[in-house]
Amino acid sequence: MSSSAPLRLACAQIDVRVGDLAGNAEKIAARMAQAREAGAELVLFPELALSGYPPEDLLLKEHFLAEARVVLEELAARATGLVALVGFPERALDVHNALAVLGDGHVQAVYRKVHLPNYGVFDERRYFQAGEGGALIELVRGADELRIGLTICEDIWAPGPPATDEALAGAAVIVNLSASPYHAGKGLERERMLAQRARDNVAAFAFCNLVGGQDELVFDGHSLVLDHEGRVLARAAQFDEQLLVATVQPGAAQAARLRDTRLRPPLRRGLPRVDTLARVELDEPAPGPPRPGTVAALLDPEAEVYAALVLGTRDYVEKNGFAQVVLGLSGGIDSALVACLAVDALGPERVTLVVMPSPHSSPETQEDAREIARRLGAHRLELPIEPMMRAYDVALQETFEGREADLTEENLQARIRGNLLMALSNKFGWLVLTTGNKSEMSVGYSTLYGDSAGGFAVIRDCPKTLVYRLAEWRAGQAREQGQEPPVPDAVVQRAPSAELRPDQRDDDSLPPYPLLDAILAPYVEQDAGREQLEARGLPADEVERVIALVDRAEYKRRQAPPGIRISTRAFGRDRRMPITNAYRG
């Protein structure tokens, strides 16, 4: 018997911690209880919610997988009065990225992910065996039965099975448990894809995504419930935990399907078999009209990236047990933005800003650094480095005799500052945040064991031009709230400089940042070659120079701390180039 009664479902968009099986299970149990109180009959949790995503080589540990199963069984005992779909790593004959169907106090069934992504930041074929195909569960509510199709993340990113098989087998609702990593614009792209899948399959879709930071990855949430025509019935907030509750009308999808020539019964002969994994009995559906779900507004582009950076910073600090962070504040735009992000993520009381002037630091930048600290309300330390510079000069004077000052002395300044920050970290247990951006990292415009020394690189995937846009956006937010912008206008307007020698400017060593970023984006993120870059109107001599700088700096990037991924291709997991590499394209 098909279902015409509304289905009340919930998407539990939660922030979990990789490896914290017991803690994650408690969070899942609490959301199950909350969903039950909200009248939900079905509650979805993210992909691998029990273990956290990605668990990486934890999946090679037999005892980790065994403990995950024990914790899952204990969690199932608390699943009463509704059905819960929970992502977990399953150890059977092989290891699977799996979805457990919890109901009536037991694990009723397990679905195994079919499509395993192995591109970009994904490495699932290293760990998992693929499932065999689509599957259904049947919710039995008195005389009413409802077929629900099961999928996990990548299973629906391309059209076709398993979702199409499930729809043809009678699924009026298809659910998707996901851990879909964020990059700028990803949420809108994903929402459009889901709307198309709903229309293609003439089925309602419920998508539950992970939220939170995990090392360099950020998960944006943005869970969705859509009807069979692709209309958004409910949307969760971006970058926040939320229990999204909505009502879908399976009968409307079934009626539309009967009118769709693609899905009429005669055309279903000979289709692949789709197993019904479980029949779970619930109370009869509650009477009354469907209640609409909440539809959160989408963030603007700069607001979205800023929120991702705040969340990624907060979770890295919190999940790794740091009470305080520290960073060098130069009076430049990069350190100013990182200071803003740190304070917005953690509060000013947990942020220490260190001003470390040298003889080449202008009075204006020093004063701007102090003003930023004042406006943010963070603790400020002053550690002038001139005495240490003189000590290095004395120690190296005989060895360097007869040689002019050059990049060596510039790098010593950066390394002195790095040593001071690491000393504070060692003494007080503070996490050092580095302040380098993607443009500088791309071309090696940084000092190993100097400004690149630290524990977490907040803006390492933000090009310099984006850094300016984010700082301006943050200033606009402050003005809208009647507050003083945290970054003085002079910092934004001043020509960028490392201030390691008199009258130094970044564009003495690099192309202007708008041109540099215009070359870097296609070369780094799209693997464009010289001819393609020049065909875009980019100057051949600058293209040649930038490519050489990028290729030469791979060894530096390998030694940089992890940082937040906000682009389609960040350095690290996304882009893995050999250090020893003779190809020049």
Protein backbone atom coordinates (compact mmCIF):
# COMPACT_ATOMS: atom_id res chain seq x y z
CA MET A 1 0.00 0.00 0.00
CA SER A 2 1.40 3.40 -0.93
CA SER A 3 1.55 6.30 1.49
CA SER A 4 -0.57 9.40 1.28
CA ALA A 5 -0.01 10.56 4.86
CA PRO A 6 2.51 13.36 5.49
CA LEU A 7 5.92 12.36 6.80
CA ARG A 8 7.44 14.41 9.58
CA LEU A 9 11.23 14.16 9.32
CA ALA A 10 14.26 15.87 10.83
CA CYS A 11 17.81 16.53 9.64
CA ALA A 12 20.21 16.65 12.58
CA GLN A 13 22.98 18.92 11.29
CA ILE A 14 25.66 18.33 13.93
CA ASP A 15 29.33 19.13 14.54
CA VAL A 16 31.22 16.01 15.59
CA ARG A 17 34.83 15.25 16.47
CA VAL A 18 36.79 12.64 14.56
CA GLY A 19 37.53 9.62 16.73
CA ASP A 20 35.27 10.65 19.62
CA LEU A 21 32.92 7.69 19.33
CA ALA A 22 31.34 8.06 22.76
CA GLY A 23 31.01 11.84 22.56
CA ASN A 24 29.54 11.72 19.08
CA ALA A 25 27.08 9.02 20.15
CA GLU A 26 25.87 11.20 23.03
CA LYS A 27 25.31 14.09 20.64
CA ILE A 28 23.39 11.81 18.27
CA ALA A 29 21.27 10.47 21.13
CA ALA A 30 20.43 13.98 22.30
CA ARG A 31 19.31 14.96 18.80
CA MET A 32 17.22 11.79 18.51
CA ALA A 33 15.41 12.79 21.68
CA GLN A 34 14.94 16.33 20.40
CA ALA A 35 13.59 15.06 17.08
CA ARG A 36 11.17 12.76 18.89
CA GLU A 37 9.90 15.69 20.95
CA ALA A 38 9.41 17.67 17.72
CA GLY A 39 7.12 14.93 16.39
CA ALA A 40 9.56 13.55 13.82
CA GLU A 41 9.06 9.99 12.64
CA LEU A 42 12.41 9.87 10.83
CA VAL A 43 15.65 11.63 11.76
CA LEU A 44 18.77 11.83 9.57
CA PHE A 45 22.36 12.27 10.73
CA PRO A 46 25.41 13.11 8.60
CA GLU A 47 27.71 10.69 6.81
CA LEU A 48 30.04 8.91 9.26
CA ALA A 49 28.52 10.94 12.08
CA LEU A 50 29.54 8.33 14.62
CA SER A 51 33.26 8.38 13.75
CA GLY A 52 33.54 11.89 12.33
CA TYR A 53 34.64 12.63 8.77
CA PRO A 54 37.20 11.94 7.44
CA PRO A 55 38.54 9.35 9.90
CA GLU A 56 41.45 8.57 7.53
CA ASP A 57 43.81 5.88 8.83
CA LEU A 58 41.75 5.29 11.94
CA LEU A 59 39.84 3.06 9.53
CA LEU A 60 42.90 0.80 9.32
CA LYS A 61 42.64 0.05 13.04
CA GLU A 62 40.54 -3.07 13.69
CA HIS A 63 39.93 -2.06 17.30
CA PHE A 64 38.54 1.33 16.21
CA LEU A 65 36.04 -0.31 13.86
CA ALA A 66 35.07 -2.88 16.49
CA GLU A 67 34.49 -0.18 19.08
CA ALA A 68 32.41 1.81 16.58
CA ARG A 69 30.09 -1.18 16.18
CA VAL A 70 29.72 -1.59 19.94
CA VAL A 71 28.87 2.09 20.36
CA LEU A 72 26.39 1.88 17.47
CA GLU A 73 24.57 -1.03 19.11
CA GLU A 74 24.37 0.89 22.39
CA LEU A 75 23.04 3.91 20.49
CA ALA A 76 20.43 1.76 18.73
CA ALA A 77 18.98 0.76 22.10
CA ARG A 78 18.02 4.42 22.58
CA ALA A 79 16.27 4.68 19.20
CA THR A 80 12.64 4.24 20.10
CA GLY A 81 9.53 6.03 18.89
CA LEU A 82 11.17 7.01 15.58
CA VAL A 83 13.63 5.75 12.99
CA ALA A 84 17.17 7.17 12.98
CA LEU A 85 19.59 6.94 10.04
CA VAL A 86 23.16 7.22 11.30
CA GLY A 87 26.39 7.23 9.30
CA PHE A 88 29.11 4.92 10.63
CA PRO A 89 32.15 2.89 9.45
CA GLU A 90 31.10 -0.75 9.08
CA ARG A 91 33.52 -3.66 9.37
CA ALA A 92 32.02 -6.70 7.65
CA LEU A 93 33.94 -8.80 5.12
CA ASP A 94 35.45 -5.46 4.14
CA VAL A 95 35.13 -1.89 5.40
CA HIS A 96 32.20 0.21 4.20
CA ASN A 97 31.04 3.80 4.47
CA ALA A 98 27.64 2.85 5.82
CA LEU A 99 24.27 4.05 7.01
CA ALA A 100 22.63 2.26 9.95
CA VAL A 101 18.84 2.11 10.23
CA LEU A 102 18.05 2.34 13.94
CA GLY A 103 14.54 1.66 15.17
CA ASP A 104 12.62 -0.16 17.89
CA GLY A 105 15.82 -0.34 19.95
CA HIS A 106 17.88 -2.24 17.37
CA VAL A 107 20.04 -1.90 14.25
CA GLN A 108 17.39 -2.84 11.71
CA ALA A 109 19.55 -2.70 8.59
CA VAL A 110 22.72 -1.29 7.02
CA TYR A 111 23.08 0.47 3.66
CA ARG A 112 26.53 0.76 2.06
CA LYS A 113 27.68 3.75 0.00
CA VAL A 114 27.87 2.89 -3.70
CA HIS A 115 29.94 5.71 -5.22
CA LEU A 116 33.27 6.34 -3.47
CA PRO A 117 34.88 9.69 -4.40
CA ASN A 118 38.60 9.63 -5.05
CA TYR A 119 39.40 13.16 -6.23
CA GLY A 120 40.27 16.48 -4.61
CA VAL A 121 40.27 16.05 -0.84
CA PHE A 122 38.57 12.64 -1.06
CA ASP A 123 40.46 9.38 -0.68
CA GLU A 124 37.66 6.93 0.01
CA ARG A 125 38.87 4.09 -2.20
CA ARG A 126 41.90 3.81 0.04
CA TYR A 127 39.63 2.75 2.88
CA PHE A 128 36.23 1.53 1.69
CA GLN A 129 34.68 -1.13 -0.49
CA ALA A 130 31.72 0.08 -2.56
CA GLY A 131 28.18 -1.11 -1.86
CA GLU A 132 26.31 -3.12 -4.45
CA GLY A 133 23.43 -0.78 -5.23
CA GLY A 134 20.40 1.14 -4.05
CA ALA A 135 18.15 0.06 -1.21
CA LEU A 136 14.86 0.93 0.46
CA ILE A 137 13.32 0.85 3.88
CA GLU A 138 9.59 0.78 4.52
CA LEU A 139 8.04 2.80 7.31
CA VAL A 140 4.81 1.14 8.43
CA ARG A 141 2.43 3.51 10.18
CA GLY A 142 -0.79 1.65 10.88
CA ALA A 143 -2.36 0.94 7.48
CA ASP A 144 0.06 3.34 5.81
CA GLU A 145 3.36 2.27 4.23
CA LEU A 146 6.06 4.55 2.91
CA ARG A 147 9.11 3.53 0.87
CA ILE A 148 12.26 5.56 1.47
CA GLY A 149 15.39 5.37 -0.69
CA LEU A 150 18.79 5.45 0.99
CA THR A 151 21.90 7.22 -0.32
CA ILE A 152 25.16 8.61 1.07
CA CYS A 153 26.79 11.81 -0.24
CA GLU A 154 28.46 11.00 -3.59
CA ASP A 155 25.64 8.55 -4.45
CA ILE A 156 23.53 11.46 -5.75
CA TRP A 157 26.15 13.84 -7.19
CA ALA A 158 25.79 12.29 -10.62
CA PRO A 159 22.38 11.44 -12.15
CA GLY A 160 21.41 7.78 -12.26
CA PRO A 161 21.66 4.89 -9.81
CA PRO A 162 21.28 4.33 -6.97
CA ALA A 163 18.68 7.12 -6.63
CA THR A 164 16.95 6.39 -9.96
CA ASP A 165 16.68 2.69 -9.12
CA GLU A 166 15.16 3.52 -5.76
CA ALA A 167 12.65 5.92 -7.29
CA LEU A 168 11.60 3.34 -9.88
CA ALA A 169 11.19 0.82 -7.07
CA GLY A 170 8.63 3.09 -5.43
CA ALA A 171 10.60 5.43 -3.15
CA ALA A 172 8.58 8.62 -2.71
CA VAL A 173 11.29 10.09 -0.47
CA ILE A 174 15.05 9.74 -1.00
CA VAL A 175 17.37 10.61 1.87
CA ASN A 176 21.04 11.52 1.65
CA LEU A 177 23.50 11.48 4.55
CA SER A 178 26.43 13.69 3.66
CA ALA A 179 29.80 15.07 4.71
CA SER A 180 30.19 17.54 1.86
CA PRO A 181 33.24 19.79 2.39
CA TYR A 182 32.85 23.50 1.84
CA HIS A 183 34.37 25.71 -0.78
CA ALA A 184 33.16 29.17 -1.76
CA GLY A 185 29.84 28.87 -3.55
CA LYS A 186 29.48 25.13 -2.83
CA GLY A 187 26.17 25.43 -0.97
CA LEU A 188 24.27 27.03 -3.83
CA GLU A 189 25.82 24.61 -6.34
CA ARG A 190 24.74 21.66 -4.17
CA GLU A 191 21.23 23.02 -3.66
CA ARG A 192 20.70 23.33 -7.40
CA MET A 193 21.96 19.78 -7.91
CA LEU A 194 19.57 18.43 -5.28
CA ALA A 195 16.63 20.27 -6.83
CA GLN A 196 17.45 18.67 -10.17
CA ARG A 197 17.66 15.20 -8.62
CA ALA A 198 14.26 15.70 -6.99
CA ARG A 199 12.72 16.69 -10.31
CA ASP A 200 14.44 13.89 -12.22
CA ASN A 201 13.30 11.20 -9.79
CA VAL A 202 9.89 12.72 -9.00
CA ALA A 203 10.70 12.20 -5.33
CA ALA A 204 11.09 14.36 -2.28
CA PHE A 205 14.69 14.68 -1.10
CA ALA A 206 16.05 15.11 2.42
CA PHE A 207 19.74 16.01 2.60
CA CYS A 208 21.54 16.10 5.96
CA ASN A 209 25.05 17.55 5.88
CA LEU A 210 27.82 17.68 8.45
CA VAL A 211 28.78 21.03 9.96
CA GLY A 212 32.06 22.06 11.57
CA GLY A 213 35.81 22.17 11.07
CA GLN A 214 38.09 19.15 10.79
CA ASP A 215 41.75 20.05 10.28
CA GLU A 216 41.82 21.92 6.92
CA LEU A 217 38.25 21.02 5.95
CA VAL A 218 35.12 22.95 6.87
CA PHE A 219 31.63 21.50 6.50
CA ASP A 220 28.94 24.09 5.98
CA GLY A 221 25.74 22.29 6.99
CA HIS A 222 23.08 23.83 4.73
CA SER A 223 20.86 20.75 5.08
CA LEU A 224 17.77 20.72 2.89
CA VAL A 225 14.34 19.19 2.44
CA LEU A 226 12.84 19.51 -1.05
CA ASP A 227 9.59 18.34 -2.57
CA HIS A 228 9.33 16.26 -5.75
CA GLU A 229 9.37 19.41 -7.89
CA GLY A 230 12.64 20.62 -6.40
CA ARG A 231 11.10 23.34 -4.25
CA VAL A 232 12.84 23.99 -0.94
CA LEU A 233 10.56 23.08 1.95
CA ALA A 234 13.18 23.66 4.66
CA ARG A 235 16.77 24.85 4.76
CA ALA A 236 19.13 24.78 7.73
CA ALA A 237 21.55 27.58 8.49
CA GLN A 238 25.07 27.58 7.09
CA PHE A 239 27.91 26.91 9.53
CA ASP A 240 25.71 26.29 12.59
CA GLU A 241 24.37 23.19 14.29
CA GLN A 242 20.62 22.83 13.87
CA LEU A 243 17.80 20.31 14.00
CA LEU A 244 15.84 21.02 10.82
CA VAL A 245 12.27 19.67 11.00
CA ALA A 246 9.94 19.58 8.01
CA THR A 247 6.90 17.77 6.62
CA VAL A 248 6.84 16.17 3.18
CA GLN A 249 3.82 14.87 1.27
CA PRO A 250 4.75 11.49 -0.25
CA GLY A 251 1.33 11.18 -1.86
CA ALA A 252 1.99 14.21 -4.05
CA ALA A 253 5.16 12.61 -5.39
CA GLN A 254 3.37 9.33 -6.07
CA ALA A 255 0.55 11.05 -7.90
CA ALA A 256 3.02 13.00 -10.02
CA ARG A 257 4.94 9.82 -10.78
CA LEU A 258 1.86 8.14 -12.19
CA ARG A 259 1.55 11.02 -14.65
CA ASP A 260 5.24 10.79 -15.66
CA THR A 261 5.70 8.59 -18.73
CA ARG A 262 9.26 7.76 -17.69
CA LEU A 263 8.08 6.10 -14.51
CA ARG A 264 4.92 4.28 -15.52
CA PRO A 265 4.82 0.63 -14.41
CA PRO A 266 5.35 -0.96 -17.90
CA LEU A 267 8.71 0.73 -18.17
CA ARG A 268 9.88 -0.76 -14.90
CA ARG A 269 10.25 -4.30 -16.23
CA GLY A 270 13.80 -5.60 -16.18
CA LEU A 271 15.13 -2.85 -13.92
CA PRO A 272 17.91 -3.69 -11.42
CA ARG A 273 16.70 -5.21 -8.21
CA VAL A 274 16.46 -2.83 -5.27
CA ASP A 275 16.39 -4.57 -1.90
CA THR A 276 14.05 -3.56 0.89
CA LEU A 277 16.39 -3.70 3.84
CA ALA A 278 13.88 -3.28 6.65
CA ARG A 279 10.25 -2.73 7.53
CA VAL A 280 9.97 -0.61 10.63
CA GLU A 281 6.65 -0.11 12.41
CA LEU A 282 5.82 3.25 13.95
CA ASP A 283 2.74 4.76 15.50
CA GLU A 284 0.09 5.86 13.04
CA PRO A 285 0.82 9.28 11.51
CA ALA A 286 -0.47 12.15 13.57
CA PRO A 287 -3.56 13.87 12.18
CA GLY A 288 -3.53 17.51 11.14
CA PRO A 289 -2.10 19.65 8.36
CA PRO A 290 1.65 19.61 7.57
CA ARG A 291 3.73 22.20 9.36
CA PRO A 292 6.23 24.15 7.24
CA GLY A 293 9.93 23.93 7.99
CA THR A 294 12.24 26.87 8.50
CA VAL A 295 14.05 28.21 5.45
CA ALA A 296 17.28 29.95 6.45
CA ALA A 297 18.54 32.74 4.19
CA LEU A 298 21.74 32.14 2.25
CA LEU A 299 24.81 34.19 3.10
CA ASP A 300 26.42 36.62 0.67
CA PRO A 301 29.78 35.48 -0.82
CA GLU A 302 32.11 37.35 1.57
CA ALA A 303 29.91 36.60 4.58
CA GLU A 304 29.97 32.91 3.65
CA VAL A 305 33.76 32.71 3.40
CA TYR A 306 34.21 34.73 6.59
CA ALA A 307 31.86 32.39 8.47
CA ALA A 308 33.78 29.37 7.16
CA LEU A 309 37.07 30.82 8.41
CA VAL A 310 35.61 31.62 11.82
CA LEU A 311 34.14 28.14 12.21
CA GLY A 312 37.30 26.42 10.97
CA THR A 313 39.43 28.40 13.42
CA ARG A 314 37.12 27.84 16.37
CA ASP A 315 36.84 24.10 15.83
CA TYR A 316 40.57 23.58 15.27
CA VAL A 317 41.31 25.40 18.53
CA GLU A 318 38.52 23.80 20.55
CA LYS A 319 38.82 20.23 19.26
CA ASN A 320 42.58 20.23 19.85
CA GLY A 321 42.24 21.55 23.40
CA PHE A 322 43.84 25.01 23.16
CA ALA A 323 42.70 27.69 25.58
CA GLN A 324 44.46 30.62 23.89
CA VAL A 325 45.88 31.66 20.53
CA VAL A 326 48.68 34.06 19.71
CA LEU A 327 49.79 35.79 16.52
CA GLY A 328 52.16 38.47 15.37
CA LEU A 329 50.42 41.75 14.54
CA SER A 330 52.40 43.82 12.05
CA GLY A 331 49.94 46.53 11.13
CA GLY A 332 49.44 44.94 7.70
CA ILE A 333 46.19 43.67 6.21
CA ASP A 334 46.90 39.94 6.58
CA SER A 335 47.62 39.89 10.30
CA ALA A 336 44.78 42.37 10.84
CA LEU A 337 42.29 39.98 9.18
CA VAL A 338 43.59 36.97 11.11
CA ALA A 339 43.26 38.94 14.35
CA CYS A 340 39.63 39.76 13.50
CA LEU A 341 38.87 36.13 12.68
CA ALA A 342 40.50 34.88 15.88
CA VAL A 343 38.57 37.32 18.06
CA ASP A 344 35.29 36.55 16.28
CA ALA A 345 35.93 32.82 16.67
CA LEU A 346 37.12 32.74 20.27
CA GLY A 347 36.45 36.08 21.94
CA PRO A 348 39.06 38.76 22.71
CA GLU A 349 39.96 37.22 26.06
CA ARG A 350 41.45 34.17 24.31
CA VAL A 351 43.57 36.07 21.78
CA THR A 352 47.03 37.57 22.36
CA LEU A 353 48.42 39.94 19.71
CA VAL A 354 52.17 40.49 19.66
CA VAL A 355 53.70 43.64 18.16
CA MET A 356 57.37 43.03 17.28
CA PRO A 357 58.79 46.18 15.69
CA SER A 358 62.18 46.26 14.01
CA PRO A 359 64.20 49.31 12.91
CA HIS A 360 62.44 48.98 9.53
CA SER A 361 58.92 49.05 10.99
CA SER A 362 57.38 52.40 10.24
CA PRO A 363 55.80 54.39 13.08
CA GLU A 364 52.52 54.27 11.14
CA THR A 365 52.33 50.46 10.95
CA GLN A 366 53.33 50.09 14.59
CA GLU A 367 50.62 52.51 15.66
CA ASP A 368 48.07 50.76 13.41
CA ALA A 369 48.93 47.41 15.02
CA ARG A 370 48.33 48.85 18.48
CA GLU A 371 45.08 50.43 17.32
CA ILE A 372 43.81 47.12 15.91
CA ALA A 373 44.51 45.42 19.23
CA ARG A 374 42.68 48.22 21.06
CA ARG A 375 39.64 48.07 18.79
CA LEU A 376 39.42 44.28 19.07
CA GLY A 377 39.86 44.34 22.83
CA ALA A 378 42.53 41.60 22.72
CA HIS A 379 45.59 41.40 24.95
CA ARG A 380 48.65 43.08 23.39
CA LEU A 381 52.32 42.31 23.97
CA GLU A 382 55.23 44.46 22.76
CA LEU A 383 58.50 42.66 21.97
CA PRO A 384 60.94 44.86 19.99
CA ILE A 385 63.38 42.73 18.01
CA GLU A 386 66.22 45.22 17.40
CA PRO A 387 68.40 43.90 20.30
CA MET A 388 68.16 40.38 18.90
CA MET A 389 68.94 41.59 15.39
CA ARG A 390 72.14 43.20 16.72
CA ALA A 391 73.07 39.96 18.49
CA TYR A 392 72.72 38.02 15.25
CA ASP A 393 74.80 40.63 13.41
CA VAL A 394 77.58 40.28 15.98
CA ALA A 395 77.47 36.47 15.92
CA LEU A 396 77.67 36.35 12.10
CA GLN A 397 79.91 39.37 11.52
CA GLU A 398 83.15 37.46 10.98
CA THR A 399 81.54 34.76 8.84
CA PHE A 400 79.71 37.29 6.65
CA GLU A 401 82.64 39.70 6.38
CA GLY A 402 82.90 41.29 2.93
CA ARG A 403 79.34 40.42 1.92
CA GLU A 404 76.53 42.94 1.52
CA ALA A 405 73.31 42.65 3.51
CA ASP A 406 70.64 40.84 1.50
CA LEU A 407 67.71 38.46 1.88
CA THR A 408 69.61 36.68 4.67
CA GLU A 409 69.23 39.58 7.08
CA GLU A 410 65.57 40.06 6.05
CA ASN A 411 64.81 36.42 6.82
CA LEU A 412 66.58 36.62 10.17
CA GLN A 413 64.05 39.23 11.26
CA ALA A 414 61.15 36.96 10.35
CA ARG A 415 62.80 34.03 12.14
CA ILE A 416 63.41 36.08 15.27
CA ARG A 417 59.71 36.89 15.33
CA GLY A 418 58.85 33.24 14.74
CA ASN A 419 61.10 32.20 17.63
CA LEU A 420 59.43 34.67 19.96
CA LEU A 421 55.95 33.46 19.05
CA MET A 422 56.97 29.83 19.47
CA ALA A 423 58.53 30.67 22.85
CA LEU A 424 55.20 32.10 23.99
CA SER A 425 53.50 28.98 22.67
CA ASN A 426 55.85 26.66 24.55
CA LYS A 427 55.71 28.62 27.79
CA PHE A 428 51.95 29.16 27.98
CA GLY A 429 50.50 26.45 25.75
CA TRP A 430 49.11 28.93 23.24
CA LEU A 431 48.46 27.99 19.61
CA VAL A 432 50.37 30.16 17.12
CA LEU A 433 48.25 31.34 14.21
CA THR A 434 50.21 32.22 11.08
CA THR A 435 49.11 35.09 8.87
CA GLY A 436 50.31 34.22 5.35
CA ASN A 437 47.82 34.24 2.46
CA LYS A 438 47.48 31.98 -0.60
CA SER A 439 49.12 34.45 -2.98
CA GLU A 440 52.28 34.55 -0.85
CA MET A 441 52.26 30.80 -0.24
CA SER A 442 51.88 30.14 -3.95
CA VAL A 443 55.05 31.99 -4.92
CA GLY A 444 57.09 31.29 -1.79
CA TYR A 445 56.95 34.90 -0.56
CA SER A 446 57.43 33.83 3.04
CA THR A 447 60.22 32.75 5.37
CA LEU A 448 60.58 29.16 6.50
CA TYR A 449 60.72 28.99 10.31
CA GLY A 450 59.78 32.66 10.36
CA ASP A 451 56.37 34.04 9.39
CA SER A 452 55.35 30.52 8.29
CA ALA A 453 56.12 29.04 11.73
CA GLY A 454 53.07 28.13 13.75
CA GLY A 455 50.30 25.65 14.35
CA PHE A 456 47.42 26.79 12.14
CA ALA A 457 47.33 28.91 9.00
CA VAL A 458 43.94 30.60 9.04
CA ILE A 459 44.04 32.37 5.63
CA ARG A 460 46.45 30.10 3.74
CA ASP A 461 43.78 29.46 1.06
CA CYS A 462 42.71 33.11 0.72
CA PRO A 463 44.27 35.07 -2.15
CA LYS A 464 45.47 38.57 -1.27
CA THR A 465 42.64 40.23 -3.18
CA LEU A 466 40.13 38.19 -1.17
CA VAL A 467 41.88 39.22 2.05
CA TYR A 468 41.08 42.84 1.23
CA ARG A 469 37.45 42.03 0.40
CA LEU A 470 37.00 40.13 3.66
CA ALA A 471 38.52 42.98 5.69
CA GLU A 472 36.22 45.46 3.98
CA TRP A 473 33.21 43.20 4.58
CA ARG A 474 34.10 42.93 8.29
CA ALA A 475 34.38 46.73 8.48
CA GLY A 476 30.95 47.06 6.87
CA GLN A 477 29.45 44.68 9.44
CA ALA A 478 30.87 46.80 12.25
CA ARG A 479 29.47 50.01 10.77
CA GLU A 480 26.01 48.44 10.33
CA GLN A 481 26.05 47.67 14.06
CA GLY A 482 27.18 51.19 14.96
CA GLN A 483 30.66 50.00 15.93
CA GLU A 484 34.12 51.17 15.01
CA PRO A 485 35.64 49.03 12.22
CA PRO A 486 38.34 46.78 13.71
CA VAL A 487 40.85 47.60 10.95
CA PRO A 488 41.81 51.26 10.44
CA ASP A 489 41.34 52.59 6.91
CA ALA A 490 45.08 53.30 6.65
CA VAL A 491 45.82 49.55 6.84
CA VAL A 492 43.60 48.87 3.84
CA GLN A 493 44.93 51.80 1.84
CA ARG A 494 48.66 51.32 2.50
CA ALA A 495 50.78 49.55 -0.13
CA PRO A 496 51.59 46.02 1.12
CA SER A 497 55.07 45.61 2.56
CA ALA A 498 56.94 43.04 4.64
CA GLU A 499 58.97 45.93 6.14
CA LEU A 500 62.18 43.90 6.31
CA ARG A 501 64.31 46.59 4.62
CA PRO A 502 63.95 50.35 4.12
CA ASP A 503 61.11 51.43 1.81
CA GLN A 504 60.28 47.83 0.87
CA ARG A 505 57.07 47.07 -1.06
CA ASP A 506 55.66 43.68 -2.07
CA ASP A 507 55.40 44.78 -5.71
CA ASP A 508 59.18 45.25 -5.78
CA SER A 509 59.41 41.44 -5.75
CA LEU A 510 56.04 40.36 -7.16
CA PRO A 511 53.54 41.48 -9.77
CA PRO A 512 50.76 43.68 -8.34
CA TYR A 513 48.41 41.43 -6.41
CA PRO A 514 45.41 41.77 -8.78
CA LEU A 515 47.62 40.56 -11.65
CA LEU A 516 49.32 37.92 -9.51
CA ASP A 517 46.00 36.46 -8.38
CA ALA A 518 44.68 36.51 -11.95
CA ILE A 519 47.62 34.26 -12.94
CA LEU A 520 47.58 32.06 -9.84
CA ALA A 521 43.88 31.14 -9.88
CA PRO A 522 43.93 29.32 -13.24
CA TYR A 523 47.46 27.95 -12.82
CA VAL A 524 47.00 26.53 -9.31
CA GLU A 525 43.30 25.69 -9.28
CA GLN A 526 42.72 24.70 -12.92
CA ASP A 527 46.15 23.43 -14.03
CA ALA A 528 46.21 25.92 -16.91
CA GLY A 529 49.43 26.01 -18.96
CA ARG A 530 51.42 28.97 -20.28
CA GLU A 531 49.57 29.13 -23.58
CA GLN A 532 46.18 29.08 -21.87
CA LEU A 533 47.22 31.82 -19.46
CA GLU A 534 48.57 34.00 -22.23
CA ALA A 535 45.40 33.40 -24.26
CA ARG A 536 43.51 35.07 -21.41
CA GLY A 537 45.48 38.24 -22.08
CA LEU A 538 47.93 37.80 -19.19
CA PRO A 539 51.42 39.18 -19.93
CA ALA A 540 53.82 36.44 -21.04
CA ASP A 541 56.78 37.66 -18.98
CA GLU A 542 54.75 37.76 -15.76
CA VAL A 543 53.21 34.37 -16.50
CA GLU A 544 56.70 32.92 -16.92
CA ARG A 545 57.92 34.50 -13.70
CA VAL A 546 54.93 33.42 -11.61
CA ILE A 547 54.98 29.83 -12.85
CA ALA A 548 58.68 29.56 -11.96
CA LEU A 549 58.03 30.96 -8.48
CA VAL A 550 55.12 28.59 -7.83
CA ASP A 551 56.99 25.50 -8.98
CA ARG A 552 60.08 26.41 -6.98
CA ALA A 553 58.17 26.93 -3.72
CA GLU A 554 56.69 23.45 -3.32
CA TYR A 555 59.21 22.55 -0.61
CA LYS A 556 58.05 25.52 1.46
CA ARG A 557 54.39 24.59 1.17
CA ARG A 558 55.13 21.06 2.38
CA GLN A 559 56.45 22.54 5.63
CA ALA A 560 53.60 24.98 6.20
CA PRO A 561 51.04 24.35 8.95
CA PRO A 562 47.54 23.18 8.04
CA GLY A 563 44.96 25.81 7.22
CA ILE A 564 41.36 26.25 6.20
CA ARG A 565 40.28 25.22 2.69
CA ILE A 566 37.84 27.66 1.08
CA SER A 567 38.66 27.22 -2.63
CA THR A 568 38.05 24.40 -5.08
CA ARG A 569 41.74 23.51 -4.92
CA ALA A 570 43.84 24.27 -1.89
CA PHE A 571 47.47 23.34 -1.35
CA GLY A 572 47.86 20.04 0.47
CA ARG A 573 45.24 17.32 0.05
CA ASP A 574 43.86 18.92 -3.13
CA ARG A 575 47.09 19.66 -4.97
CA ARG A 576 49.90 17.14 -4.55
CA MET A 577 52.91 18.12 -6.63
CA PRO A 578 56.35 16.50 -6.32
CA ILE A 579 59.04 18.64 -4.71
CA THR A 580 61.72 17.22 -7.00
CA ASN A 581 60.18 18.03 -10.36
CA ALA A 582 61.90 18.84 -13.65
CA TYR A 583 58.76 19.53 -15.69
CA ARG A 584 58.33 23.19 -16.59
CA GLY A 585 55.45 22.88 -19.05
